[in-house]
Protein backbone atom coordinates (compact mmCIF):
# COMPACT_ATOMS: atom_id res chain seq x y z
CA MET A 1 -0.06 0.06 0.05
CA PHE A 2 1.25 3.37 -0.77
CA ASN A 3 1.28 6.05 2.19
CA LYS A 4 1.72 9.37 0.60
CA GLU A 5 2.58 10.96 3.62
CA LEU A 6 5.56 8.57 4.52
CA PHE A 7 6.70 8.90 0.91
CA LYS A 8 6.81 12.52 0.86
CA GLU A 9 8.68 12.64 4.51
CA ARG A 10 10.81 9.76 3.43
CA LEU A 11 11.78 11.45 0.03
CA PHE A 12 12.48 15.07 1.25
CA GLU A 13 14.47 13.26 4.05
CA GLN A 14 16.61 11.57 1.67
CA ILE A 15 17.12 14.93 -0.47
CA ARG A 16 18.29 16.72 2.90
CA PHE A 17 20.81 14.00 3.52
CA SER A 18 22.17 14.28 0.01
CA GLY A 19 22.96 17.64 0.82
CA LYS A 20 21.75 18.60 -2.54
CA SER A 21 18.69 20.95 -3.57
CA ILE A 22 15.68 19.74 -4.88
CA ASN A 23 16.48 21.17 -8.23
CA GLN A 24 19.89 19.86 -8.32
CA VAL A 25 18.32 16.28 -7.62
CA GLU A 26 15.60 17.01 -10.55
CA ARG A 27 18.61 17.98 -13.13
CA GLU A 28 20.72 14.83 -12.31
CA LEU A 29 17.74 12.67 -12.66
CA GLY A 30 16.57 14.51 -16.14
CA TYR A 31 13.24 15.50 -14.84
CA PRO A 32 11.32 18.55 -15.48
CA ARG A 33 11.44 21.76 -12.84
CA ASN A 34 9.09 20.97 -9.93
CA ALA A 35 8.76 17.34 -10.60
CA ILE A 36 9.97 16.41 -7.23
CA SER A 37 8.33 19.16 -5.31
CA ASN A 38 4.88 18.14 -6.61
CA TYR A 39 5.30 15.38 -4.21
CA LYS A 40 4.98 17.72 -1.42
CA ASN A 41 1.40 18.53 -2.52
CA GLY A 42 0.44 14.66 -2.47
CA GLY A 43 1.35 13.86 -5.97
CA GLU A 44 2.28 10.20 -6.54
CA PRO A 45 5.33 8.90 -8.82
CA SER A 46 4.59 6.54 -11.62
CA GLY A 47 6.41 3.26 -11.01
CA THR A 48 9.61 4.09 -12.90
CA ARG A 49 9.85 7.37 -11.22
CA LEU A 50 9.65 5.38 -7.81
CA VAL A 51 12.19 2.98 -9.18
CA GLU A 52 14.47 5.71 -10.24
CA LEU A 53 14.30 7.75 -7.22
CA ALA A 54 15.16 4.95 -4.84
CA ASN A 55 18.04 3.77 -6.88
CA TYR A 56 19.28 7.40 -7.17
CA PHE A 57 19.37 7.63 -3.25
CA ARG A 58 20.79 3.75 -2.92
CA ILE A 59 17.46 2.96 -0.87
CA SER A 60 14.21 0.30 -1.58
CA PRO A 61 11.07 1.43 -3.42
CA GLU A 62 9.48 -0.39 -0.55
CA TYR A 63 11.29 1.79 1.97
CA LEU A 64 10.21 5.00 -0.01
CA ILE A 65 6.65 4.00 -0.24
CA GLY A 66 6.42 2.96 3.40
CA GLN A 67 5.89 -0.91 2.98
CA VAL A 68 8.93 -1.42 5.56
CA SER A 69 10.50 0.37 8.22
CA PHE A 70 14.18 0.20 6.93
CA SER A 71 16.25 0.13 3.74
CA ASP A 72 18.54 -2.79 3.56
CA LYS A 73 20.48 -1.15 0.42
CA ILE A 74 22.23 1.56 2.31
CA SER A 75 25.83 0.95 3.76
CA SER A 76 27.27 1.68 6.91
CA GLN A 77 29.52 3.90 5.01
CA GLU A 78 26.66 5.67 3.23
CA LEU A 79 24.86 5.90 6.53
CA PHE A 80 27.96 7.86 7.66
CA ASN A 81 28.43 9.89 4.87
CA ARG A 82 24.90 11.22 5.20
CA MET A 83 25.42 12.18 8.96
CA ASP A 84 25.90 16.06 9.76
CA PHE A 85 29.16 16.79 12.04
CA ASP A 86 27.28 16.66 15.22
CA GLN A 87 26.00 13.01 14.35
CA LYS A 88 29.35 12.02 13.50
CA ASN A 89 31.04 13.63 16.75
CA GLU A 90 28.24 11.85 18.80
CA ILE A 91 29.27 8.24 17.18
CA GLY A 92 32.85 9.15 17.54
CA LYS A 93 32.41 9.53 21.37
CA LEU A 94 30.37 6.48 21.42
CA TYR A 95 32.95 4.44 19.49
CA LEU A 96 35.72 5.53 21.71
CA ASN A 97 34.16 5.08 24.91
CA TRP A 98 33.22 1.55 24.00
CA ILE A 99 37.06 1.09 23.24
CA ILE A 100 38.25 2.16 26.47
CA SER A 101 35.55 0.03 28.28
CA ASN A 102 35.85 -2.85 26.29
CA LEU A 103 39.25 -3.42 24.99
CA ASN A 104 41.71 -5.40 26.96
CA ILE A 105 43.05 -2.08 28.83
CA SER A 106 46.16 -2.34 31.05
CA ASN A 107 46.13 -2.53 34.78
CA ASP A 108 46.96 1.01 35.42
CA MET A 109 44.34 2.34 32.80
CA LYS A 110 41.56 0.55 34.52
CA SER A 111 42.77 1.72 38.03
CA GLY A 112 41.59 5.33 37.15
CA SER A 113 43.12 6.61 33.92
CA ASN A 114 40.09 5.04 32.23
CA LYS A 115 37.81 7.42 33.74
CA VAL A 116 40.19 10.59 32.91
CA ALA A 117 40.35 9.01 29.17
CA THR A 118 36.52 9.10 28.97
CA ARG A 119 36.34 12.28 30.42
CA ARG A 120 38.80 13.57 27.61
CA VAL A 121 36.94 11.83 25.06
CA ASN A 122 33.76 13.58 26.03
CA ASP A 123 35.30 16.98 26.47
CA ASN A 124 37.60 17.09 23.39
CA ILE A 125 35.61 15.46 20.54
């Protein structure tokens, strides 16, 4: 079933993630001006357009129209590339804190330096 609101939300989310304007995406896909903007007003894409848009953003058509809650086509690298600086910064902090707390840390790190190192990660990144 086609969910117009979810389609609109996910399409414009993908455009934001790409860092491109609507007009730029339209040009790159060879669409006439305002073709994508029409979807804001409740327009539905043809089957061909739906597949083209999904391929362009490297997501599944099923995700785009709301049939599934996630897209299995996106790689972790692509997901990371779509994050803004603050999101990448937060991932970095989580990763470094995980490394500090989960890897085999020397005894002197475990005895107190671990807390200092964790604080440094949170303060400096």
